[in-house]
Amino acid sequence: MQVTGSNSNQHILSIRFSADGFYFALLNPKAKEKSDSSIHHLYKVDESLSFTANLKHAIDELEWLNYQYKAVSIVIATSRFTLVPLDFFEDEQVETIFYHNFHHVDNELVEFNILQKSNVVVLYGLDKALLTLLYKQFPEAQVKAQATSLIEHLTLQNYHVNQKQLLCVIGRDNITIAAMEHHNIIYCNSFNCHHITDRLYYILYSWKQLGLNQLSDELLLADNISEADELKHELGHYISNITCISPYFDIETAV
């Protein structure tokens, strides 16, 4: 499959921004052959530059980022998020609630995603310059936090199983963990960590605190830094049901 300026409006562009790199997926929902349905591209970022500066470079280097698409879905990997029950959500209170949990950061906007199926709202902080550039380049884009896509994925998965599930997204310098029971989100948090021993600690600590069953409940690992095999081996001493999933589950099937 080749995407050009003349056929790009048949495709969905999905983008995931994280410190581990920018991941792009070009998806064609109407492709007849599975091999023609998607293209994936990992863009290595310059760690000395901001997300905004790296995105500007990517736009200059990757011609297809300037095409017009059927839809654009953007996921921002950030640990600056908090959850609010939908029943108690008031949009005029987002900054007040958010900054009860986090310190103020210059040039930050507090955005939110409403998840009707999970009855929760995700509040998250996003750099103003990055958001401005995103909407300038992709005016119709749907932007959401990684925590949002994590909860959405768990909600979909949990409709088909009876056990509790814990989903862990492993990043270079953090781990985001969410848990669901009977289609309801029961936990979602993010921790800063750089070593596998710390990741093991946070996963097992969360598992124990939530009272998950070692034999019947399921642990899902989405690993962006190629530690999945080692993590699965070590966690296997304590948890029986462990499944490794694509680290890009949140954008590879975006619609």
C-alpha atoms as a PDB file:
ATOM      1  CA  MET A   1       0.000   0.000   0.000  1.00  0.00           C
ATOM      2  CA  GLN A   2       1.307   3.412  -0.961  1.00  0.00           C
ATOM      3  CA  VAL A   3      -0.253   6.552   0.460  1.00  0.00           C
ATOM      4  CA  THR A   4      -0.215   9.624  -1.755  1.00  0.00           C
ATOM      5  CA  GLY A   5      -1.815  13.020  -1.706  1.00  0.00           C
ATOM      6  CA  SER A   6      -4.519  11.707  -4.039  1.00  0.00           C
ATOM      7  CA  ASN A   7      -5.614   8.692  -1.959  1.00  0.00           C
ATOM      8  CA  SER A   8      -4.814   9.826   1.586  1.00  0.00           C
ATOM      9  CA  ASN A   9      -8.452  10.790   2.233  1.00  0.00           C
ATOM     10  CA  GLN A  10      -9.246   7.064   2.258  1.00  0.00           C
ATOM     11  CA  HIS A  11      -6.935   6.543   5.233  1.00  0.00           C
ATOM     12  CA  ILE A  12      -6.923   7.205   8.962  1.00  0.00           C
ATOM     13  CA  LEU A  13      -3.738   8.663  10.416  1.00  0.00           C
ATOM     14  CA  SER A  14      -3.022   7.628  13.999  1.00  0.00           C
ATOM     15  CA  ILE A  15      -0.149   9.101  15.975  1.00  0.00           C
ATOM     16  CA  ARG A  16       1.262   8.247  19.389  1.00  0.00           C
ATOM     17  CA  PHE A  17       3.586  10.791  21.016  1.00  0.00           C
ATOM     18  CA  SER A  18       5.910   9.627  23.775  1.00  0.00           C
ATOM     19  CA  ALA A  19       9.463  10.125  24.990  1.00  0.00           C
ATOM     20  CA  ASP A  20      10.226   6.711  23.471  1.00  0.00           C
ATOM     21  CA  GLY A  21       9.525   8.043  19.980  1.00  0.00           C
ATOM     22  CA  PHE A  22       6.645   9.037  17.711  1.00  0.00           C
ATOM     23  CA  TYR A  23       4.677   6.129  16.289  1.00  0.00           C
ATOM     24  CA  PHE A  24       2.586   6.640  13.157  1.00  0.00           C
ATOM     25  CA  ALA A  25      -0.013   4.287  11.696  1.00  0.00           C
ATOM     26  CA  LEU A  26      -1.745   4.788   8.359  1.00  0.00           C
ATOM     27  CA  LEU A  27      -4.895   2.675   8.268  1.00  0.00           C
ATOM     28  CA  ASN A  28      -7.196   1.936   5.359  1.00  0.00           C
ATOM     29  CA  PRO A  29     -10.503   0.529   6.702  1.00  0.00           C
ATOM     30  CA  LYS A  30     -11.718  -0.375   3.205  1.00  0.00           C
ATOM     31  CA  ALA A  31      -8.626  -2.269   2.035  1.00  0.00           C
ATOM     32  CA  LYS A  32      -9.497  -5.608   0.444  1.00  0.00           C
ATOM     33  CA  GLU A  33      -6.297  -7.315   1.573  1.00  0.00           C
ATOM     34  CA  LYS A  34      -5.050  -7.267   5.164  1.00  0.00           C
ATOM     35  CA  SER A  35      -1.514  -6.599   3.929  1.00  0.00           C
ATOM     36  CA  ASP A  36      -2.799  -3.397   2.294  1.00  0.00           C
ATOM     37  CA  SER A  37      -4.700  -2.159   5.335  1.00  0.00           C
ATOM     38  CA  SER A  38      -1.921  -0.475   7.310  1.00  0.00           C
ATOM     39  CA  ILE A  39       1.531   1.094   7.290  1.00  0.00           C
ATOM     40  CA  HIS A  40       3.498   1.720  10.476  1.00  0.00           C
ATOM     41  CA  HIS A  41       6.409   4.090  11.039  1.00  0.00           C
ATOM     42  CA  LEU A  42       8.478   4.722  14.178  1.00  0.00           C
ATOM     43  CA  TYR A  43      10.113   8.144  14.260  1.00  0.00           C
ATOM     44  CA  LYS A  44      13.093   8.446  16.573  1.00  0.00           C
ATOM     45  CA  VAL A  45      13.003  11.676  18.533  1.00  0.00           C
ATOM     46  CA  ASP A  46      15.844  13.964  19.536  1.00  0.00           C
ATOM     47  CA  GLU A  47      15.740  13.730  23.324  1.00  0.00           C
ATOM     48  CA  SER A  48      17.320  17.173  23.694  1.00  0.00           C
ATOM     49  CA  LEU A  49      14.288  18.776  22.022  1.00  0.00           C
ATOM     50  CA  SER A  50      10.686  19.225  23.116  1.00  0.00           C
ATOM     51  CA  PHE A  51       7.761  17.254  21.659  1.00  0.00           C
ATOM     52  CA  THR A  52       6.820  20.374  19.701  1.00  0.00           C
ATOM     53  CA  ALA A  53      10.274  20.803  18.154  1.00  0.00           C
ATOM     54  CA  ASN A  54      10.452  17.108  17.290  1.00  0.00           C
ATOM     55  CA  LEU A  55       7.022  17.264  15.670  1.00  0.00           C
ATOM     56  CA  LYS A  56       8.102  20.226  13.542  1.00  0.00           C
ATOM     57  CA  HIS A  57      11.094  18.202  12.321  1.00  0.00           C
ATOM     58  CA  ALA A  58       8.872  15.201  11.586  1.00  0.00           C
ATOM     59  CA  ILE A  59       6.461  17.366   9.570  1.00  0.00           C
ATOM     60  CA  ASP A  60       9.387  18.699   7.526  1.00  0.00           C
ATOM     61  CA  GLU A  61      10.895  15.252   6.955  1.00  0.00           C
ATOM     62  CA  LEU A  62       7.797  13.112   6.355  1.00  0.00           C
ATOM     63  CA  GLU A  63       5.853  14.348   3.349  1.00  0.00           C
ATOM     64  CA  TRP A  64       2.763  12.251   4.103  1.00  0.00           C
ATOM     65  CA  LEU A  65       2.191  14.142   7.363  1.00  0.00           C
ATOM     66  CA  ASN A  66       1.064  17.037   5.182  1.00  0.00           C
ATOM     67  CA  TYR A  67      -1.651  15.078   3.359  1.00  0.00           C
ATOM     68  CA  GLN A  68      -5.372  15.318   4.075  1.00  0.00           C
ATOM     69  CA  TYR A  69      -6.800  12.263   5.860  1.00  0.00           C
ATOM     70  CA  LYS A  70     -10.236  10.804   6.461  1.00  0.00           C
ATOM     71  CA  ALA A  71      -9.582  11.154  10.192  1.00  0.00           C
ATOM     72  CA  VAL A  72      -6.646  11.819  12.513  1.00  0.00           C
ATOM     73  CA  SER A  73      -6.358  10.214  15.957  1.00  0.00           C
ATOM     74  CA  ILE A  74      -3.626  11.364  18.349  1.00  0.00           C
ATOM     75  CA  VAL A  75      -2.547   9.760  21.625  1.00  0.00           C
ATOM     76  CA  ILE A  76      -0.286  11.642  24.058  1.00  0.00           C
ATOM     77  CA  ALA A  77       1.719   9.518  26.496  1.00  0.00           C
ATOM     78  CA  THR A  78       1.784  11.528  29.707  1.00  0.00           C
ATOM     79  CA  SER A  79       1.820  10.708  33.405  1.00  0.00           C
ATOM     80  CA  ARG A  80       0.102  14.028  34.209  1.00  0.00           C
ATOM     81  CA  PHE A  81      -3.482  12.795  34.313  1.00  0.00           C
ATOM     82  CA  THR A  82      -6.223  12.244  36.860  1.00  0.00           C
ATOM     83  CA  LEU A  83      -9.669  10.652  36.751  1.00  0.00           C
ATOM     84  CA  VAL A  84     -13.030  12.106  37.741  1.00  0.00           C
ATOM     85  CA  PRO A  85     -16.330  10.167  37.905  1.00  0.00           C
ATOM     86  CA  LEU A  86     -18.524  11.335  35.038  1.00  0.00           C
ATOM     87  CA  ASP A  87     -21.463  11.926  37.399  1.00  0.00           C
ATOM     88  CA  PHE A  88     -19.459  14.566  39.274  1.00  0.00           C
ATOM     89  CA  PHE A  89     -17.735  16.182  36.291  1.00  0.00           C
ATOM     90  CA  GLU A  90     -18.087  19.916  35.583  1.00  0.00           C
ATOM     91  CA  ASP A  91     -15.934  21.285  32.783  1.00  0.00           C
ATOM     92  CA  GLU A  92     -15.454  24.666  34.464  1.00  0.00           C
ATOM     93  CA  GLN A  93     -13.719  22.868  37.353  1.00  0.00           C
ATOM     94  CA  VAL A  94     -11.097  20.973  35.327  1.00  0.00           C
ATOM     95  CA  GLU A  95      -8.123  23.166  36.249  1.00  0.00           C
ATOM     96  CA  THR A  96      -9.091  23.329  39.920  1.00  0.00           C
ATOM     97  CA  ILE A  97      -9.364  19.543  40.153  1.00  0.00           C
ATOM     98  CA  PHE A  98      -6.263  18.885  38.073  1.00  0.00           C
ATOM     99  CA  TYR A  99      -4.019  21.199  40.082  1.00  0.00           C
ATOM    100  CA  HIS A 100      -5.166  19.650  43.331  1.00  0.00           C
ATOM    101  CA  ASN A 101      -3.154  16.651  42.105  1.00  0.00           C
ATOM    102  CA  PHE A 102      -0.274  18.260  40.218  1.00  0.00           C
ATOM    103  CA  HIS A 103       1.911  21.335  40.532  1.00  0.00           C
ATOM    104  CA  HIS A 104       1.475  24.106  37.982  1.00  0.00           C
ATOM    105  CA  VAL A 105       3.582  23.996  34.823  1.00  0.00           C
ATOM    106  CA  ASP A 106       4.138  27.026  32.597  1.00  0.00           C
ATOM    107  CA  ASN A 107       2.340  27.045  29.251  1.00  0.00           C
ATOM    108  CA  GLU A 108       0.227  24.017  30.111  1.00  0.00           C
ATOM    109  CA  LEU A 109      -3.384  23.505  29.096  1.00  0.00           C
ATOM    110  CA  VAL A 110      -5.662  21.140  30.978  1.00  0.00           C
ATOM    111  CA  GLU A 111      -7.651  19.041  28.519  1.00  0.00           C
ATOM    112  CA  PHE A 112     -10.162  16.263  29.148  1.00  0.00           C
ATOM    113  CA  ASN A 113     -11.604  13.155  27.504  1.00  0.00           C
ATOM    114  CA  ILE A 114     -15.078  11.901  28.423  1.00  0.00           C
ATOM    115  CA  LEU A 115     -15.450   8.108  28.442  1.00  0.00           C
ATOM    116  CA  GLN A 116     -19.173   7.407  28.506  1.00  0.00           C
ATOM    117  CA  LYS A 117     -18.836   3.611  28.548  1.00  0.00           C
ATOM    118  CA  SER A 118     -16.528   3.720  31.560  1.00  0.00           C
ATOM    119  CA  ASN A 119     -18.440   6.532  33.314  1.00  0.00           C
ATOM    120  CA  VAL A 120     -15.223   8.471  33.881  1.00  0.00           C
ATOM    121  CA  VAL A 121     -13.457  11.618  32.635  1.00  0.00           C
ATOM    122  CA  VAL A 122      -9.686  11.765  32.126  1.00  0.00           C
ATOM    123  CA  LEU A 123      -8.114  15.165  32.837  1.00  0.00           C
ATOM    124  CA  TYR A 124      -4.593  15.651  31.492  1.00  0.00           C
ATOM    125  CA  GLY A 125      -2.008  18.366  31.036  1.00  0.00           C
ATOM    126  CA  LEU A 126      -0.653  19.209  27.596  1.00  0.00           C
ATOM    127  CA  ASP A 127       1.909  21.731  26.437  1.00  0.00           C
ATOM    128  CA  LYS A 128       0.122  24.683  24.818  1.00  0.00           C
ATOM    129  CA  ALA A 129       2.624  24.983  21.966  1.00  0.00           C
ATOM    130  CA  LEU A 130       2.255  21.284  21.104  1.00  0.00           C
ATOM    131  CA  LEU A 131      -1.543  21.454  21.090  1.00  0.00           C
ATOM    132  CA  THR A 132      -1.482  24.586  18.939  1.00  0.00           C
ATOM    133  CA  LEU A 133       0.802  22.908  16.392  1.00  0.00           C
ATOM    134  CA  LEU A 134      -1.281  19.731  16.370  1.00  0.00           C
ATOM    135  CA  TYR A 135      -4.506  21.562  15.570  1.00  0.00           C
ATOM    136  CA  LYS A 136      -2.756  23.760  13.004  1.00  0.00           C
ATOM    137  CA  GLN A 137      -1.393  20.693  11.206  1.00  0.00           C
ATOM    138  CA  PHE A 138      -4.408  18.444  11.830  1.00  0.00           C
ATOM    139  CA  PRO A 139      -7.461  20.686  12.385  1.00  0.00           C
ATOM    140  CA  GLU A 140      -9.931  17.807  12.720  1.00  0.00           C
ATOM    141  CA  ALA A 141      -7.767  15.635  14.965  1.00  0.00           C
ATOM    142  CA  GLN A 142      -9.128  13.814  17.985  1.00  0.00           C
ATOM    143  CA  VAL A 143      -6.590  14.157  20.781  1.00  0.00           C
ATOM    144  CA  LYS A 144      -6.557  11.996  23.893  1.00  0.00           C
ATOM    145  CA  ALA A 145      -4.261  10.973  26.724  1.00  0.00           C
ATOM    146  CA  GLN A 146      -2.648   7.549  26.814  1.00  0.00           C
ATOM    147  CA  ALA A 147      -4.650   6.826  29.966  1.00  0.00           C
ATOM    148  CA  THR A 148      -7.824   7.358  27.931  1.00  0.00           C
ATOM    149  CA  SER A 149      -6.881   4.836  25.257  1.00  0.00           C
ATOM    150  CA  LEU A 150      -5.719   2.427  27.965  1.00  0.00           C
ATOM    151  CA  ILE A 151      -9.098   2.551  29.713  1.00  0.00           C
ATOM    152  CA  GLU A 152     -10.957   2.300  26.386  1.00  0.00           C
ATOM    153  CA  HIS A 153      -8.954  -0.791  25.463  1.00  0.00           C
ATOM    154  CA  LEU A 154      -9.567  -2.421  28.848  1.00  0.00           C
ATOM    155  CA  THR A 155     -13.276  -1.644  28.664  1.00  0.00           C
ATOM    156  CA  LEU A 156     -13.517  -3.392  25.290  1.00  0.00           C
ATOM    157  CA  GLN A 157     -11.431  -6.364  26.433  1.00  0.00           C
ATOM    158  CA  ASN A 158     -13.277  -6.808  29.698  1.00  0.00           C
ATOM    159  CA  TYR A 159     -16.659  -7.245  28.001  1.00  0.00           C
ATOM    160  CA  HIS A 160     -15.438 -10.635  26.787  1.00  0.00           C
ATOM    161  CA  VAL A 161     -13.981 -12.036  30.018  1.00  0.00           C
ATOM    162  CA  ASN A 162     -15.151 -12.706  33.544  1.00  0.00           C
ATOM    163  CA  GLN A 163     -11.952 -12.117  35.482  1.00  0.00           C
ATOM    164  CA  LYS A 164     -10.339  -8.903  36.649  1.00  0.00           C
ATOM    165  CA  GLN A 165      -7.664  -7.512  34.330  1.00  0.00           C
ATOM    166  CA  LEU A 166      -4.612  -5.367  35.007  1.00  0.00           C
ATOM    167  CA  LEU A 167      -3.069  -3.597  31.994  1.00  0.00           C
ATOM    168  CA  CYS A 168       0.461  -2.176  32.275  1.00  0.00           C
ATOM    169  CA  VAL A 169       2.005   0.113  29.655  1.00  0.00           C
ATOM    170  CA  ILE A 170       5.778   0.149  30.080  1.00  0.00           C
ATOM    171  CA  GLY A 171       7.593   3.301  28.969  1.00  0.00           C
ATOM    172  CA  ARG A 172      11.226   4.286  29.128  1.00  0.00           C
ATOM    173  CA  ASP A 173      10.861   6.316  32.313  1.00  0.00           C
ATOM    174  CA  ASN A 174       7.388   5.437  33.603  1.00  0.00           C
ATOM    175  CA  ILE A 175       4.735   2.769  33.907  1.00  0.00           C
ATOM    176  CA  THR A 176       0.989   3.354  33.565  1.00  0.00           C
ATOM    177  CA  ILE A 177      -1.316   0.800  35.152  1.00  0.00           C
ATOM    178  CA  ALA A 178      -5.079   0.369  34.900  1.00  0.00           C
ATOM    179  CA  ALA A 179      -7.400  -2.311  36.219  1.00  0.00           C
ATOM    180  CA  MET A 180     -10.968  -3.304  35.428  1.00  0.00           C
ATOM    181  CA  GLU A 181     -13.592  -5.545  37.018  1.00  0.00           C
ATOM    182  CA  HIS A 182     -17.004  -6.375  35.557  1.00  0.00           C
ATOM    183  CA  HIS A 183     -16.583  -3.666  32.884  1.00  0.00           C
ATOM    184  CA  ASN A 184     -15.833  -1.000  35.522  1.00  0.00           C
ATOM    185  CA  ILE A 185     -12.535   0.811  35.895  1.00  0.00           C
ATOM    186  CA  ILE A 186     -11.261   0.247  39.428  1.00  0.00           C
ATOM    187  CA  TYR A 187      -7.758   1.698  39.201  1.00  0.00           C
ATOM    188  CA  CYS A 188      -5.571   3.889  36.978  1.00  0.00           C
ATOM    189  CA  ASN A 189      -2.235   5.449  37.908  1.00  0.00           C
ATOM    190  CA  SER A 190       1.209   6.239  36.550  1.00  0.00           C
ATOM    191  CA  PHE A 191       4.606   5.932  38.236  1.00  0.00           C
ATOM    192  CA  ASN A 192       8.014   7.285  37.310  1.00  0.00           C
ATOM    193  CA  CYS A 193      10.573   4.475  37.088  1.00  0.00           C
ATOM    194  CA  HIS A 194      13.647   3.608  35.030  1.00  0.00           C
ATOM    195  CA  HIS A 195      14.631   0.071  36.052  1.00  0.00           C
ATOM    196  CA  ILE A 196      13.004  -3.317  35.679  1.00  0.00           C
ATOM    197  CA  THR A 197      13.088  -3.895  39.442  1.00  0.00           C
ATOM    198  CA  ASP A 198      10.980  -0.767  39.945  1.00  0.00           C
ATOM    199  CA  ARG A 199       8.512  -1.839  37.277  1.00  0.00           C
ATOM    200  CA  LEU A 200       8.164  -5.246  38.918  1.00  0.00           C
ATOM    201  CA  TYR A 201       7.540  -3.560  42.257  1.00  0.00           C
ATOM    202  CA  TYR A 202       4.776  -1.268  40.979  1.00  0.00           C
ATOM    203  CA  ILE A 203       3.040  -4.062  39.057  1.00  0.00           C
ATOM    204  CA  LEU A 204       3.065  -6.489  41.976  1.00  0.00           C
ATOM    205  CA  TYR A 205       2.177  -3.770  44.488  1.00  0.00           C
ATOM    206  CA  SER A 206      -0.836  -2.730  42.405  1.00  0.00           C
ATOM    207  CA  TRP A 207      -1.844  -6.365  41.926  1.00  0.00           C
ATOM    208  CA  LYS A 208      -1.722  -7.006  45.693  1.00  0.00           C
ATOM    209  CA  GLN A 209      -3.475  -3.756  46.657  1.00  0.00           C
ATOM    210  CA  LEU A 210      -6.355  -4.538  44.307  1.00  0.00           C
ATOM    211  CA  GLY A 211      -6.687  -8.067  45.641  1.00  0.00           C
ATOM    212  CA  LEU A 212      -6.336  -9.731  42.240  1.00  0.00           C
ATOM    213  CA  ASN A 213      -6.230 -13.525  42.090  1.00  0.00           C
ATOM    214  CA  GLN A 214      -2.886 -15.086  41.127  1.00  0.00           C
ATOM    215  CA  LEU A 215      -4.532 -17.964  39.284  1.00  0.00           C
ATOM    216  CA  SER A 216      -7.671 -16.597  37.642  1.00  0.00           C
ATOM    217  CA  ASP A 217      -7.133 -12.868  36.963  1.00  0.00           C
ATOM    218  CA  GLU A 218      -5.149 -11.585  33.976  1.00  0.00           C
ATOM    219  CA  LEU A 219      -2.131  -9.324  33.586  1.00  0.00           C
ATOM    220  CA  LEU A 220      -1.685  -7.585  30.214  1.00  0.00           C
ATOM    221  CA  LEU A 221       1.768  -6.209  29.380  1.00  0.00           C
ATOM    222  CA  ALA A 222       2.268  -3.572  26.681  1.00  0.00           C
ATOM    223  CA  ASP A 223       6.007  -2.891  26.531  1.00  0.00           C
ATOM    224  CA  ASN A 224       7.621  -0.036  24.585  1.00  0.00           C
ATOM    225  CA  ILE A 225      11.195  -0.788  25.640  1.00  0.00           C
ATOM    226  CA  SER A 226      11.640  -4.520  24.922  1.00  0.00           C
ATOM    227  CA  GLU A 227      11.577  -5.751  28.517  1.00  0.00           C
ATOM    228  CA  ALA A 228       8.415  -7.805  28.060  1.00  0.00           C
ATOM    229  CA  ASP A 229      10.108 -11.220  28.025  1.00  0.00           C
ATOM    230  CA  GLU A 230      12.130 -10.524  31.166  1.00  0.00           C
ATOM    231  CA  LEU A 231       9.161  -8.949  32.929  1.00  0.00           C
ATOM    232  CA  LYS A 232       6.905 -11.860  31.994  1.00  0.00           C
ATOM    233  CA  HIS A 233       9.483 -14.352  33.272  1.00  0.00           C
ATOM    234  CA  GLU A 234       9.892 -12.614  36.629  1.00  0.00           C
ATOM    235  CA  LEU A 235       6.181 -11.938  37.078  1.00  0.00           C
ATOM    236  CA  GLY A 236       5.445 -15.549  36.188  1.00  0.00           C
ATOM    237  CA  HIS A 237       6.724 -16.549  39.626  1.00  0.00           C
ATOM    238  CA  TYR A 238       3.692 -14.790  41.135  1.00  0.00           C
ATOM    239  CA  ILE A 239       1.004 -14.519  38.432  1.00  0.00           C
ATOM    240  CA  SER A 240      -0.213 -17.354  36.221  1.00  0.00           C
ATOM    241  CA  ASN A 241      -2.183 -15.566  33.522  1.00  0.00           C
ATOM    242  CA  ILE A 242       0.095 -13.093  31.695  1.00  0.00           C
ATOM    243  CA  THR A 243      -0.431 -11.866  28.121  1.00  0.00           C
ATOM    244  CA  CYS A 244       1.916  -9.610  26.151  1.00  0.00           C
ATOM    245  CA  ILE A 245       0.141  -7.264  23.740  1.00  0.00           C
ATOM    246  CA  SER A 246       1.359  -4.747  21.180  1.00  0.00           C
ATOM    247  CA  PRO A 247       2.770  -1.601  22.812  1.00  0.00           C
ATOM    248  CA  TYR A 248       0.864   0.332  20.145  1.00  0.00           C
ATOM    249  CA  PHE A 249      -2.542  -1.230  20.834  1.00  0.00           C
ATOM    250  CA  ASP A 250      -3.935   2.280  21.320  1.00  0.00           C
ATOM    251  CA  ILE A 251      -3.486   3.438  17.715  1.00  0.00           C
ATOM    252  CA  GLU A 252      -3.042   0.406  15.449  1.00  0.00           C
ATOM    253  CA  THR A 253      -6.793  -0.185  15.231  1.00  0.00           C
ATOM    254  CA  ALA A 254      -8.035   3.381  15.569  1.00  0.00           C
ATOM    255  CA  VAL A 255     -11.262   4.172  13.735  1.00  0.00           C
END
